[in-house]
Protein backbone atom coordinates (compact mmCIF):
# COMPACT_ATOMS: atom_id res chain seq x y z
CA UNK A 1 -0.34 -0.57 -0.03
CA UNK A 2 2.93 2.18 0.49
CA UNK A 3 4.07 1.88 -2.52
CA UNK A 4 1.00 3.11 -4.41
CA UNK A 5 0.86 6.33 -2.01
CA UNK A 6 4.31 7.09 -3.20
CA UNK A 7 2.62 6.46 -7.08
CA UNK A 8 0.27 8.91 -6.66
CA UNK A 9 2.38 11.57 -5.11
CA UNK A 10 4.55 11.24 -8.05
CA UNK A 11 1.31 11.10 -10.58
CA UNK A 12 0.02 14.60 -9.09
CA UNK A 13 3.02 17.12 -9.18
CA UNK A 14 1.29 19.63 -7.45
CA UNK A 15 0.08 17.36 -4.52
CA UNK A 16 1.46 18.61 -1.15
CA UNK A 17 1.39 18.38 2.42
CA UNK A 18 -0.36 21.00 2.61
CA UNK A 19 -2.97 19.76 -0.39
CA UNK A 20 -3.34 20.78 -4.13
CA UNK A 21 -0.28 23.78 -4.38
CA UNK A 22 1.28 25.27 -1.54
CA UNK A 23 -0.06 28.20 0.58
CA UNK A 24 -0.49 31.64 -1.05
CA UNK A 25 0.35 30.30 -4.46
CA UNK A 26 -1.40 32.85 -6.34
CA UNK A 27 -0.43 35.78 -4.99
CA UNK A 28 3.16 34.41 -5.35
CA UNK A 29 2.00 33.39 -8.84
CA UNK A 30 1.25 36.85 -9.53
CA UNK A 31 4.39 38.31 -7.89
CA UNK A 32 6.02 36.40 -10.38
CA UNK A 33 7.79 34.41 -7.86
CA UNK A 34 7.62 30.65 -9.40
CA UNK A 35 10.95 30.09 -7.74
CA UNK A 36 9.73 30.29 -4.24
CA UNK A 37 6.54 28.45 -5.47
CA UNK A 38 8.44 25.67 -6.84
CA UNK A 39 10.56 25.49 -3.43
CA UNK A 40 7.87 25.26 -1.26
CA UNK A 41 6.23 22.49 -3.09
CA UNK A 42 9.80 20.41 -2.95
CA UNK A 43 9.71 21.12 0.52
CA UNK A 44 5.82 20.53 1.22
CA UNK A 45 6.51 17.40 -1.23
CA UNK A 46 9.06 15.89 1.34
CA UNK A 47 6.79 16.52 3.71
CA UNK A 48 3.96 14.66 2.40
CA UNK A 49 5.73 11.42 1.25
CA UNK A 50 6.88 11.37 5.03
CA UNK A 51 3.38 11.03 6.28
CA UNK A 52 2.06 7.89 4.93
CA UNK A 53 0.63 7.23 8.55
CA UNK A 54 -1.60 9.75 7.84
CA UNK A 55 -2.83 8.76 4.15
CA UNK A 56 -3.23 4.99 5.70
CA UNK A 57 -5.75 6.73 8.45
CA UNK A 58 -7.79 8.73 5.50
CA UNK A 59 -7.69 6.05 3.01
CA UNK A 60 -9.19 3.69 5.53
CA UNK A 61 -11.88 6.26 6.45
CA UNK A 62 -12.19 6.67 2.31
CA UNK A 63 -12.79 2.97 1.72
CA UNK A 64 -15.88 3.00 3.75
CA UNK A 65 -17.56 5.78 1.39
CA UNK A 66 -20.00 5.58 -1.28
CA UNK A 67 -19.31 7.48 -4.53
CA UNK A 68 -21.31 9.62 -6.53
CA UNK A 69 -21.56 9.38 -10.30
CA UNK A 70 -20.95 13.58 -10.23
CA UNK A 71 -18.49 15.88 -7.93
CA UNK A 72 -20.26 16.55 -4.57
CA UNK A 73 -19.94 20.38 -4.56
CA UNK A 74 -20.77 20.67 -1.32
CA UNK A 75 -17.29 19.71 0.74
CA UNK A 76 -14.06 19.63 0.03
CA UNK A 77 -10.89 17.89 0.85
CA UNK A 78 -10.25 20.01 3.83
CA UNK A 79 -13.59 19.06 5.38
CA UNK A 80 -13.43 15.20 4.60
CA UNK A 81 -9.69 15.36 5.94
CA UNK A 82 -11.28 16.98 9.42
CA UNK A 83 -14.11 13.92 9.09
CA UNK A 84 -11.42 11.67 8.83
CA UNK A 85 -9.54 12.92 11.89
CA UNK A 86 -12.59 12.96 14.05
CA UNK A 87 -13.35 9.26 13.27
CA UNK A 88 -10.00 7.78 13.48
CA UNK A 89 -8.76 10.30 16.30
CA UNK A 90 -5.23 11.44 14.99
CA UNK A 91 -4.22 14.06 12.26
CA UNK A 92 -4.81 13.99 8.61
CA UNK A 93 -3.44 16.08 6.15
CA UNK A 94 -5.10 17.74 3.88
CA UNK A 95 -2.76 16.17 1.07
CA UNK A 96 -2.84 12.78 2.49
CA UNK A 97 -6.60 12.68 2.51
CA UNK A 98 -6.42 14.00 -1.15
CA UNK A 99 -3.90 11.60 -1.53
CA UNK A 100 -6.04 8.30 0.21
CA UNK A 101 -9.47 9.66 -1.81
CA UNK A 102 -7.32 9.25 -5.06
CA UNK A 103 -6.39 5.89 -4.30
CA UNK A 104 -9.44 4.49 -2.86
CA UNK A 105 -11.14 5.36 -6.74
CA UNK A 106 -12.51 8.57 -6.62
CA UNK A 107 -12.98 10.92 -8.93
CA UNK A 108 -11.41 14.78 -8.68
CA UNK A 109 -12.18 18.38 -9.29
CA UNK A 110 -9.48 20.49 -8.89
CA UNK A 111 -9.32 24.56 -9.04
CA UNK A 112 -5.60 25.17 -10.54
CA UNK A 113 -4.77 27.77 -7.42
CA UNK A 114 -6.99 26.09 -4.63
CA UNK A 115 -5.84 23.82 -1.83
CA UNK A 116 -8.90 21.76 -1.35
CA UNK A 117 -10.43 19.62 -3.79
CA UNK A 118 -13.92 18.58 -4.17
CA UNK A 119 -14.82 14.31 -4.67
CA UNK A 120 -17.72 12.89 -5.71
CA UNK A 121 -17.91 11.17 -2.05
CA UNK A 122 -21.67 10.59 -1.13
CA UNK A 123 -22.68 12.53 1.58
CA UNK A 124 -25.20 9.80 3.05
CA UNK A 125 -22.75 7.23 3.31
CA UNK A 126 -20.29 9.97 5.29
CA UNK A 127 -23.12 10.68 7.61
CA UNK A 128 -23.91 7.22 7.99
CA UNK A 129 -20.27 6.58 9.00
CA UNK A 130 -19.41 9.05 11.17
CA UNK A 131 -22.93 8.19 13.05
CA UNK A 132 -21.78 4.77 13.12
CA UNK A 133 -18.71 5.35 15.39
CA UNK A 134 -18.43 7.87 18.26
CA UNK A 135 -15.83 10.34 17.92
CA UNK A 136 -12.86 9.21 19.59
CA UNK A 137 -12.86 10.72 23.09
CA UNK A 138 -10.12 13.46 23.88
CA UNK A 139 -9.36 14.14 27.23
CA UNK A 140 -11.28 17.54 28.32
CA UNK A 141 -8.65 20.56 28.50
CA UNK A 142 -7.53 22.63 31.40
CA UNK A 143 -7.04 26.27 31.44
């Protein structure tokens, strides 16, 4: 499975730990800072390659979801990754979630300068999955 993760990351050069691209990519692009974009992309891709555990958690979440024939415009990868974190009780980056959803066979829609990706995830299956398991209990924080 780790090899499949690496293949997906290699196949999608804009995929980083942050998501699809780098923070402030549009601003940097407009300022003509293409070298800075590439430098950040390389750093964030390296970070993504080190996040196999996050990919695995997200993949185990994704394979329990059903597919729609069309892209679901209501949610992006960022909200799905938050649900995956809630479900697993551990961190999942936006990039790791995107890689996991692609690996699980979901179709994607990207916007060149938006780090979030839309998928054909069936919302009813998402609600069923989240309702099927109580969120991981976290210790109460003290002030």
